[in-house]
Amino acid sequence: MTHHVLHLVYAFEAVMVLAGLLLRDSAVEHVGVVALGATLAIHTVVLVLQDLSKGRKRWLRIALFVVVLVLLLASILGLIVIVGGFRAIRS
């Protein structure tokens, strides 16, 4: 039952994002993206806690990999923004 409701929530949020894109309504799109991100984050935390309670450690390695990947991508994006800013100042 819980999985079915979760799938419905994901589907509804995806429809909100698509409707916002198709109707060019940024408010609907924004709410859909935020809701989708929050649902995904909460679902991930629940899965990680379930695995940790069962004594599994694979989520810890996956979480560490994701954190390192996000930090690496944020650093690269930051460098791109800084270099773009310097180019804008020179022009």
PDB file of N, CA and C in Angstrom:
ATOM      1  N   MET A   1       0.831  -1.189   0.000  1.00  0.00           N
ATOM      2  CA  MET A   1       0.000   0.000   0.000  1.00  0.00           C
ATOM      3  C   MET A   1       0.878   1.257   0.000  1.00  0.00           C
ATOM      4  N   THR A   2       1.897   1.294   0.861  1.00  0.00           N
ATOM      5  CA  THR A   2       2.752   2.470   0.955  1.00  0.00           C
ATOM      6  C   THR A   2       3.492   2.727  -0.353  1.00  0.00           C
ATOM      7  N   HIS A   3       3.958   1.647  -0.983  1.00  0.00           N
ATOM      8  CA  HIS A   3       4.682   1.810  -2.248  1.00  0.00           C
ATOM      9  C   HIS A   3       3.759   2.356  -3.332  1.00  0.00           C
ATOM     10  N   HIS A   4       2.518   1.919  -3.323  1.00  0.00           N
ATOM     11  CA  HIS A   4       1.566   2.406  -4.307  1.00  0.00           C
ATOM     12  C   HIS A   4       1.322   3.910  -4.138  1.00  0.00           C
ATOM     13  N   VAL A   5       1.140   4.345  -2.899  1.00  0.00           N
ATOM     14  CA  VAL A   5       0.929   5.762  -2.620  1.00  0.00           C
ATOM     15  C   VAL A   5       2.168   6.561  -3.014  1.00  0.00           C
ATOM     16  N   LEU A   6       3.344   6.037  -2.710  1.00  0.00           N
ATOM     17  CA  LEU A   6       4.588   6.722  -3.066  1.00  0.00           C
ATOM     18  C   LEU A   6       4.704   6.881  -4.585  1.00  0.00           C
ATOM     19  N   HIS A   7       4.349   5.850  -5.329  1.00  0.00           N
ATOM     20  CA  HIS A   7       4.389   5.932  -6.785  1.00  0.00           C
ATOM     21  C   HIS A   7       3.397   6.974  -7.292  1.00  0.00           C
ATOM     22  N   LEU A   8       2.222   7.051  -6.663  1.00  0.00           N
ATOM     23  CA  LEU A   8       1.244   8.070  -7.052  1.00  0.00           C
ATOM     24  C   LEU A   8       1.759   9.479  -6.771  1.00  0.00           C
ATOM     25  N   VAL A   9       2.435   9.659  -5.647  1.00  0.00           N
ATOM     26  CA  VAL A   9       2.992  10.972  -5.314  1.00  0.00           C
ATOM     27  C   VAL A   9       4.052  11.370  -6.341  1.00  0.00           C
ATOM     28  N   TYR A  10       4.960  10.433  -6.670  1.00  0.00           N
ATOM     29  CA  TYR A  10       5.975  10.720  -7.693  1.00  0.00           C
ATOM     30  C   TYR A  10       5.325  11.068  -9.031  1.00  0.00           C
ATOM     31  N   ALA A  11       4.306  10.305  -9.419  1.00  0.00           N
ATOM     32  CA  ALA A  11       3.631  10.557 -10.696  1.00  0.00           C
ATOM     33  C   ALA A  11       2.954  11.933 -10.694  1.00  0.00           C
ATOM     34  N   PHE A  12       2.277  12.271  -9.606  1.00  0.00           N
ATOM     35  CA  PHE A  12       1.606  13.560  -9.527  1.00  0.00           C
ATOM     36  C   PHE A  12       2.607  14.708  -9.613  1.00  0.00           C
ATOM     37  N   GLU A  13       3.740  14.561  -8.936  1.00  0.00           N
ATOM     38  CA  GLU A  13       4.750  15.615  -8.964  1.00  0.00           C
ATOM     39  C   GLU A  13       5.369  15.737 -10.355  1.00  0.00           C
ATOM     40  N   ALA A  14       5.585  14.610 -11.026  1.00  0.00           N
ATOM     41  CA  ALA A  14       6.111  14.656 -12.392  1.00  0.00           C
ATOM     42  C   ALA A  14       5.110  15.323 -13.334  1.00  0.00           C
ATOM     43  N   VAL A  15       3.824  15.043 -13.143  1.00  0.00           N
ATOM     44  CA  VAL A  15       2.791  15.687 -13.958  1.00  0.00           C
ATOM     45  C   VAL A  15       2.775  17.194 -13.692  1.00  0.00           C
ATOM     46  N   MET A  16       2.980  17.596 -12.437  1.00  0.00           N
ATOM     47  CA  MET A  16       3.030  19.026 -12.124  1.00  0.00           C
ATOM     48  C   MET A  16       4.182  19.711 -12.860  1.00  0.00           C
ATOM     49  N   VAL A  17       5.336  19.068 -12.860  1.00  0.00           N
ATOM     50  CA  VAL A  17       6.502  19.646 -13.546  1.00  0.00           C
ATOM     51  C   VAL A  17       6.232  19.741 -15.044  1.00  0.00           C
ATOM     52  N   LEU A  18       5.719  18.669 -15.625  1.00  0.00           N
ATOM     53  CA  LEU A  18       5.432  18.679 -17.058  1.00  0.00           C
ATOM     54  C   LEU A  18       4.349  19.697 -17.407  1.00  0.00           C
ATOM     55  N   ALA A  19       3.313  19.791 -16.573  1.00  0.00           N
ATOM     56  CA  ALA A  19       2.249  20.770 -16.826  1.00  0.00           C
ATOM     57  C   ALA A  19       2.808  22.193 -16.742  1.00  0.00           C
ATOM     58  N   GLY A  20       3.675  22.431 -15.787  1.00  0.00           N
ATOM     59  CA  GLY A  20       4.299  23.745 -15.682  1.00  0.00           C
ATOM     60  C   GLY A  20       5.128  24.080 -16.902  1.00  0.00           C
ATOM     61  N   LEU A  21       5.837  23.083 -17.426  1.00  0.00           N
ATOM     62  CA  LEU A  21       6.635  23.303 -18.630  1.00  0.00           C
ATOM     63  C   LEU A  21       5.751  23.545 -19.853  1.00  0.00           C
ATOM     64  N   LEU A  22       4.717  22.714 -20.005  1.00  0.00           N
ATOM     65  CA  LEU A  22       3.850  22.834 -21.178  1.00  0.00           C
ATOM     66  C   LEU A  22       3.010  24.098 -21.151  1.00  0.00           C
ATOM     67  N   LEU A  23       2.526  24.471 -19.970  1.00  0.00           N
ATOM     68  CA  LEU A  23       1.685  25.652 -19.849  1.00  0.00           C
ATOM     69  C   LEU A  23       2.483  26.935 -19.616  1.00  0.00           C
ATOM     70  N   ARG A  24       3.785  26.788 -19.523  1.00  0.00           N
ATOM     71  CA  ARG A  24       4.686  27.923 -19.268  1.00  0.00           C
ATOM     72  C   ARG A  24       4.299  28.672 -17.992  1.00  0.00           C
ATOM     73  N   ASP A  25       3.965  27.867 -16.988  1.00  0.00           N
ATOM     74  CA  ASP A  25       3.608  28.433 -15.677  1.00  0.00           C
ATOM     75  C   ASP A  25       4.742  28.075 -14.714  1.00  0.00           C
ATOM     76  N   SER A  26       5.592  29.036 -14.444  1.00  0.00           N
ATOM     77  CA  SER A  26       6.777  28.758 -13.635  1.00  0.00           C
ATOM     78  C   SER A  26       6.434  28.430 -12.188  1.00  0.00           C
ATOM     79  N   ALA A  27       5.311  28.935 -11.681  1.00  0.00           N
ATOM     80  CA  ALA A  27       4.934  28.644 -10.293  1.00  0.00           C
ATOM     81  C   ALA A  27       4.588  27.168 -10.131  1.00  0.00           C
ATOM     82  N   VAL A  28       3.818  26.623 -11.060  1.00  0.00           N
ATOM     83  CA  VAL A  28       3.446  25.208 -10.999  1.00  0.00           C
ATOM     84  C   VAL A  28       4.683  24.346 -11.163  1.00  0.00           C
ATOM     85  N   GLU A  29       5.518  24.711 -12.101  1.00  0.00           N
ATOM     86  CA  GLU A  29       6.760  23.965 -12.330  1.00  0.00           C
ATOM     87  C   GLU A  29       7.645  23.989 -11.085  1.00  0.00           C
ATOM     88  N   HIS A  30       7.774  25.158 -10.479  1.00  0.00           N
ATOM     89  CA  HIS A  30       8.618  25.299  -9.291  1.00  0.00           C
ATOM     90  C   HIS A  30       8.096  24.451  -8.134  1.00  0.00           C
ATOM     91  N   VAL A  31       6.793  24.505  -7.899  1.00  0.00           N
ATOM     92  CA  VAL A  31       6.210  23.702  -6.816  1.00  0.00           C
ATOM     93  C   VAL A  31       6.413  22.218  -7.100  1.00  0.00           C
ATOM     94  N   GLY A  32       6.256  21.806  -8.345  1.00  0.00           N
ATOM     95  CA  GLY A  32       6.463  20.406  -8.706  1.00  0.00           C
ATOM     96  C   GLY A  32       7.890  19.950  -8.486  1.00  0.00           C
ATOM     97  N   VAL A  33       8.838  20.794  -8.874  1.00  0.00           N
ATOM     98  CA  VAL A  33      10.259  20.445  -8.704  1.00  0.00           C
ATOM     99  C   VAL A  33      10.625  20.382  -7.220  1.00  0.00           C
ATOM    100  N   VAL A  34      10.156  21.348  -6.448  1.00  0.00           N
ATOM    101  CA  VAL A  34      10.460  21.356  -5.013  1.00  0.00           C
ATOM    102  C   VAL A  34       9.831  20.152  -4.325  1.00  0.00           C
ATOM    103  N   ALA A  35       8.572  19.861  -4.668  1.00  0.00           N
ATOM    104  CA  ALA A  35       7.895  18.710  -4.067  1.00  0.00           C
ATOM    105  C   ALA A  35       8.576  17.408  -4.468  1.00  0.00           C
ATOM    106  N   LEU A  36       8.977  17.309  -5.729  1.00  0.00           N
ATOM    107  CA  LEU A  36       9.668  16.108  -6.198  1.00  0.00           C
ATOM    108  C   LEU A  36      11.006  15.932  -5.484  1.00  0.00           C
ATOM    109  N   GLY A  37      11.734  17.019  -5.326  1.00  0.00           N
ATOM    110  CA  GLY A  37      13.012  16.949  -4.615  1.00  0.00           C
ATOM    111  C   GLY A  37      12.830  16.568  -3.155  1.00  0.00           C
ATOM    112  N   ALA A  38      11.818  17.136  -2.507  1.00  0.00           N
ATOM    113  CA  ALA A  38      11.568  16.814  -1.096  1.00  0.00           C
ATOM    114  C   ALA A  38      11.151  15.355  -0.940  1.00  0.00           C
ATOM    115  N   THR A  39      10.286  14.881  -1.819  1.00  0.00           N
ATOM    116  CA  THR A  39       9.854  13.484  -1.756  1.00  0.00           C
ATOM    117  C   THR A  39      11.029  12.550  -1.997  1.00  0.00           C
ATOM    118  N   LEU A  40      11.852  12.870  -2.963  1.00  0.00           N
ATOM    119  CA  LEU A  40      13.019  12.045  -3.257  1.00  0.00           C
ATOM    120  C   LEU A  40      13.992  12.028  -2.079  1.00  0.00           C
ATOM    121  N   ALA A  41      14.214  13.183  -1.461  1.00  0.00           N
ATOM    122  CA  ALA A  41      15.128  13.250  -0.319  1.00  0.00           C
ATOM    123  C   ALA A  41      14.588  12.442   0.861  1.00  0.00           C
ATOM    124  N   ILE A  42      13.315  12.595   1.171  1.00  0.00           N
ATOM    125  CA  ILE A  42      12.719  11.854   2.289  1.00  0.00           C
ATOM    126  C   ILE A  42      12.728  10.360   2.006  1.00  0.00           C
ATOM    127  N   HIS A  43      12.401   9.974   0.779  1.00  0.00           N
ATOM    128  CA  HIS A  43      12.411   8.551   0.414  1.00  0.00           C
ATOM    129  C   HIS A  43      13.813   7.961   0.539  1.00  0.00           C
ATOM    130  N   THR A  44      14.822   8.722   0.108  1.00  0.00           N
ATOM    131  CA  THR A  44      16.202   8.250   0.218  1.00  0.00           C
ATOM    132  C   THR A  44      16.608   8.076   1.671  1.00  0.00           C
ATOM    133  N   VAL A  45      16.260   9.026   2.517  1.00  0.00           N
ATOM    134  CA  VAL A  45      16.593   8.923   3.941  1.00  0.00           C
ATOM    135  C   VAL A  45      15.925   7.698   4.557  1.00  0.00           C
ATOM    136  N   VAL A  46      14.674   7.454   4.214  1.00  0.00           N
ATOM    137  CA  VAL A  46      13.968   6.281   4.743  1.00  0.00           C
ATOM    138  C   VAL A  46      14.657   4.995   4.296  1.00  0.00           C
ATOM    139  N   LEU A  47      15.036   4.913   3.013  1.00  0.00           N
ATOM    140  CA  LEU A  47      15.723   3.715   2.526  1.00  0.00           C
ATOM    141  C   LEU A  47      17.062   3.504   3.218  1.00  0.00           C
ATOM    142  N   VAL A  48      17.810   4.583   3.402  1.00  0.00           N
ATOM    143  CA  VAL A  48      19.108   4.489   4.075  1.00  0.00           C
ATOM    144  C   VAL A  48      18.922   4.026   5.522  1.00  0.00           C
ATOM    145  N   LEU A  49      17.974   4.591   6.222  1.00  0.00           N
ATOM    146  CA  LEU A  49      17.734   4.194   7.615  1.00  0.00           C
ATOM    147  C   LEU A  49      17.270   2.741   7.712  1.00  0.00           C
ATOM    148  N   GLN A  50      16.465   2.292   6.761  1.00  0.00           N
ATOM    149  CA  GLN A  50      16.051   0.887   6.756  1.00  0.00           C
ATOM    150  C   GLN A  50      17.251  -0.028   6.570  1.00  0.00           C
ATOM    151  N   ASP A  51      18.131   0.315   5.616  1.00  0.00           N
ATOM    152  CA  ASP A  51      19.307  -0.516   5.396  1.00  0.00           C
ATOM    153  C   ASP A  51      20.250  -0.492   6.595  1.00  0.00           C
ATOM    154  N   LEU A  52      20.433   0.674   7.214  1.00  0.00           N
ATOM    155  CA  LEU A  52      21.305   0.756   8.387  1.00  0.00           C
ATOM    156  C   LEU A  52      20.736  -0.038   9.553  1.00  0.00           C
ATOM    157  N   SER A  53      19.425  -0.044   9.695  1.00  0.00           N
ATOM    158  CA  SER A  53      18.823  -0.811  10.782  1.00  0.00           C
ATOM    159  C   SER A  53      18.966  -2.310  10.554  1.00  0.00           C
ATOM    160  N   LYS A  54      19.118  -2.722   9.283  1.00  0.00           N
ATOM    161  CA  LYS A  54      19.324  -4.134   8.961  1.00  0.00           C
ATOM    162  C   LYS A  54      20.806  -4.499   8.962  1.00  0.00           C
ATOM    163  N   GLY A  55      21.670  -3.530   9.217  1.00  0.00           N
ATOM    164  CA  GLY A  55      23.099  -3.802   9.297  1.00  0.00           C
ATOM    165  C   GLY A  55      23.830  -3.717   7.974  1.00  0.00           C
ATOM    166  N   ARG A  56      23.188  -3.217   6.949  1.00  0.00           N
ATOM    167  CA  ARG A  56      23.838  -3.079   5.651  1.00  0.00           C
ATOM    168  C   ARG A  56      24.613  -1.766   5.606  1.00  0.00           C
ATOM    169  N   LYS A  57      25.766  -1.772   4.938  1.00  0.00           N
ATOM    170  CA  LYS A  57      26.618  -0.575   4.867  1.00  0.00           C
ATOM    171  C   LYS A  57      26.745  -0.011   3.453  1.00  0.00           C
ATOM    172  N   ARG A  58      26.083  -0.618   2.471  1.00  0.00           N
ATOM    173  CA  ARG A  58      26.267  -0.158   1.091  1.00  0.00           C
ATOM    174  C   ARG A  58      25.761   1.257   0.898  1.00  0.00           C
ATOM    175  N   TRP A  59      24.712   1.657   1.614  1.00  0.00           N
ATOM    176  CA  TRP A  59      24.187   3.016   1.467  1.00  0.00           C
ATOM    177  C   TRP A  59      25.172   4.056   1.965  1.00  0.00           C
ATOM    178  N   LEU A  60      25.974   3.678   2.933  1.00  0.00           N
ATOM    179  CA  LEU A  60      26.977   4.610   3.431  1.00  0.00           C
ATOM    180  C   LEU A  60      27.998   4.930   2.337  1.00  0.00           C
ATOM    181  N   ARG A  61      28.416   3.905   1.604  1.00  0.00           N
ATOM    182  CA  ARG A  61      29.356   4.128   0.502  1.00  0.00           C
ATOM    183  C   ARG A  61      28.708   4.912  -0.632  1.00  0.00           C
ATOM    184  N   ILE A  62      27.463   4.595  -0.930  1.00  0.00           N
ATOM    185  CA  ILE A  62      26.757   5.321  -1.985  1.00  0.00           C
ATOM    186  C   ILE A  62      26.574   6.780  -1.588  1.00  0.00           C
ATOM    187  N   ALA A  63      26.187   7.028  -0.335  1.00  0.00           N
ATOM    188  CA  ALA A  63      25.994   8.396   0.143  1.00  0.00           C
ATOM    189  C   ALA A  63      27.303   9.183   0.079  1.00  0.00           C
ATOM    190  N   LEU A  64      28.399   8.557   0.474  1.00  0.00           N
ATOM    191  CA  LEU A  64      29.699   9.219   0.399  1.00  0.00           C
ATOM    192  C   LEU A  64      30.054   9.557  -1.042  1.00  0.00           C
ATOM    193  N   PHE A  65      29.811   8.628  -1.956  1.00  0.00           N
ATOM    194  CA  PHE A  65      30.074   8.870  -3.373  1.00  0.00           C
ATOM    195  C   PHE A  65      29.237  10.031  -3.890  1.00  0.00           C
ATOM    196  N   VAL A  66      27.959  10.075  -3.536  1.00  0.00           N
ATOM    197  CA  VAL A  66      27.070  11.143  -3.997  1.00  0.00           C
ATOM    198  C   VAL A  66      27.520  12.495  -3.452  1.00  0.00           C
ATOM    199  N   VAL A  67      27.911  12.538  -2.173  1.00  0.00           N
ATOM    200  CA  VAL A  67      28.368  13.789  -1.574  1.00  0.00           C
ATOM    201  C   VAL A  67      29.630  14.282  -2.285  1.00  0.00           C
ATOM    202  N   VAL A  68      30.571  13.391  -2.531  1.00  0.00           N
ATOM    203  CA  VAL A  68      31.801  13.781  -3.226  1.00  0.00           C
ATOM    204  C   VAL A  68      31.484  14.237  -4.648  1.00  0.00           C
ATOM    205  N   LEU A  69      30.580  13.538  -5.328  1.00  0.00           N
ATOM    206  CA  LEU A  69      30.208  13.921  -6.689  1.00  0.00           C
ATOM    207  C   LEU A  69      29.540  15.292  -6.715  1.00  0.00           C
ATOM    208  N   VAL A  70      28.646  15.560  -5.786  1.00  0.00           N
ATOM    209  CA  VAL A  70      27.967  16.862  -5.732  1.00  0.00           C
ATOM    210  C   VAL A  70      28.971  17.970  -5.450  1.00  0.00           C
ATOM    211  N   LEU A  71      29.881  17.743  -4.516  1.00  0.00           N
ATOM    212  CA  LEU A  71      30.894  18.754  -4.220  1.00  0.00           C
ATOM    213  C   LEU A  71      31.802  19.011  -5.422  1.00  0.00           C
ATOM    214  N   LEU A  72      32.155  17.962  -6.132  1.00  0.00           N
ATOM    215  CA  LEU A  72      32.993  18.105  -7.314  1.00  0.00           C
ATOM    216  C   LEU A  72      32.254  18.894  -8.398  1.00  0.00           C
ATOM    217  N   LEU A  73      30.996  18.560  -8.651  1.00  0.00           N
ATOM    218  CA  LEU A  73      30.227  19.279  -9.662  1.00  0.00           C
ATOM    219  C   LEU A  73      29.998  20.731  -9.258  1.00  0.00           C
ATOM    220  N   ALA A  74      29.756  20.980  -7.975  1.00  0.00           N
ATOM    221  CA  ALA A  74      29.572  22.354  -7.507  1.00  0.00           C
ATOM    222  C   ALA A  74      30.856  23.151  -7.671  1.00  0.00           C
ATOM    223  N   SER A  75      31.995  22.525  -7.426  1.00  0.00           N
ATOM    224  CA  SER A  75      33.274  23.202  -7.607  1.00  0.00           C
ATOM    225  C   SER A  75      33.512  23.547  -9.071  1.00  0.00           C
ATOM    226  N   ILE A  76      33.224  22.604  -9.954  1.00  0.00           N
ATOM    227  CA  ILE A  76      33.396  22.856 -11.384  1.00  0.00           C
ATOM    228  C   ILE A  76      32.464  23.970 -11.842  1.00  0.00           C
ATOM    229  N   LEU A  77      31.208  23.923 -11.394  1.00  0.00           N
ATOM    230  CA  LEU A  77      30.247  24.965 -11.761  1.00  0.00           C
ATOM    231  C   LEU A  77      30.689  26.323 -11.219  1.00  0.00           C
ATOM    232  N   GLY A  78      31.203  26.339 -10.011  1.00  0.00           N
ATOM    233  CA  GLY A  78      31.710  27.579  -9.431  1.00  0.00           C
ATOM    234  C   GLY A  78      32.853  28.150 -10.237  1.00  0.00           C
ATOM    235  N   LEU A  79      33.764  27.299 -10.670  1.00  0.00           N
ATOM    236  CA  LEU A  79      34.873  27.765 -11.503  1.00  0.00           C
ATOM    237  C   LEU A  79      34.373  28.319 -12.831  1.00  0.00           C
ATOM    238  N   ILE A  80      33.378  27.661 -13.423  1.00  0.00           N
ATOM    239  CA  ILE A  80      32.827  28.144 -14.689  1.00  0.00           C
ATOM    240  C   ILE A  80      32.197  29.521 -14.495  1.00  0.00           C
ATOM    241  N   VAL A  81      31.474  29.711 -13.404  1.00  0.00           N
ATOM    242  CA  VAL A  81      30.840  30.996 -13.127  1.00  0.00           C
ATOM    243  C   VAL A  81      31.900  32.075 -12.892  1.00  0.00           C
ATOM    244  N   ILE A  82      32.946  31.737 -12.149  1.00  0.00           N
ATOM    245  CA  ILE A  82      34.008  32.712 -11.868  1.00  0.00           C
ATOM    246  C   ILE A  82      34.729  33.105 -13.156  1.00  0.00           C
ATOM    247  N   VAL A  83      35.075  32.120 -13.984  1.00  0.00           N
ATOM    248  CA  VAL A  83      35.754  32.414 -15.246  1.00  0.00           C
ATOM    249  C   VAL A  83      34.840  33.231 -16.155  1.00  0.00           C
ATOM    250  N   GLY A  84      33.561  32.897 -16.190  1.00  0.00           N
ATOM    251  CA  GLY A  84      32.611  33.675 -16.989  1.00  0.00           C
ATOM    252  C   GLY A  84      32.491  35.098 -16.487  1.00  0.00           C
ATOM    253  N   GLY A  85      32.552  35.288 -15.176  1.00  0.00           N
ATOM    254  CA  GLY A  85      32.504  36.632 -14.608  1.00  0.00           C
ATOM    255  C   GLY A  85      33.718  37.447 -14.979  1.00  0.00           C
ATOM    256  N   PHE A  86      34.895  36.817 -14.974  1.00  0.00           N
ATOM    257  CA  PHE A  86      36.101  37.525 -15.376  1.00  0.00           C
ATOM    258  C   PHE A  86      36.040  37.914 -16.844  1.00  0.00           C
ATOM    259  N   ARG A  87      35.493  37.047 -17.675  1.00  0.00           N
ATOM    260  CA  ARG A  87      35.377  37.364 -19.098  1.00  0.00           C
ATOM    261  C   ARG A  87      34.411  38.515 -19.316  1.00  0.00           C
ATOM    262  N   ALA A  88      33.340  38.562 -18.513  1.00  0.00           N
ATOM    263  CA  ALA A  88      32.359  39.649 -18.649  1.00  0.00           C
ATOM    264  C   ALA A  88      32.966  40.974 -18.228  1.00  0.00           C
ATOM    265  N   ILE A  89      33.836  40.939 -17.223  1.00  0.00           N
ATOM    266  CA  ILE A  89      34.469  42.169 -16.742  1.00  0.00           C
ATOM    267  C   ILE A  89      35.446  42.691 -17.803  1.00  0.00           C
ATOM    268  N   ARG A  90      36.184  41.810 -18.461  1.00  0.00           N
ATOM    269  CA  ARG A  90      37.167  42.218 -19.468  1.00  0.00           C
ATOM    270  C   ARG A  90      36.501  42.810 -20.701  1.00  0.00           C
ATOM    271  N   SER A  91      35.299  42.364 -21.017  1.00  0.00           N
ATOM    272  CA  SER A  91      34.643  42.820 -22.260  1.00  0.00           C
ATOM    273  C   SER A  91      34.062  44.183 -22.158  1.00  0.00           C
TER     274      SER A  91
END
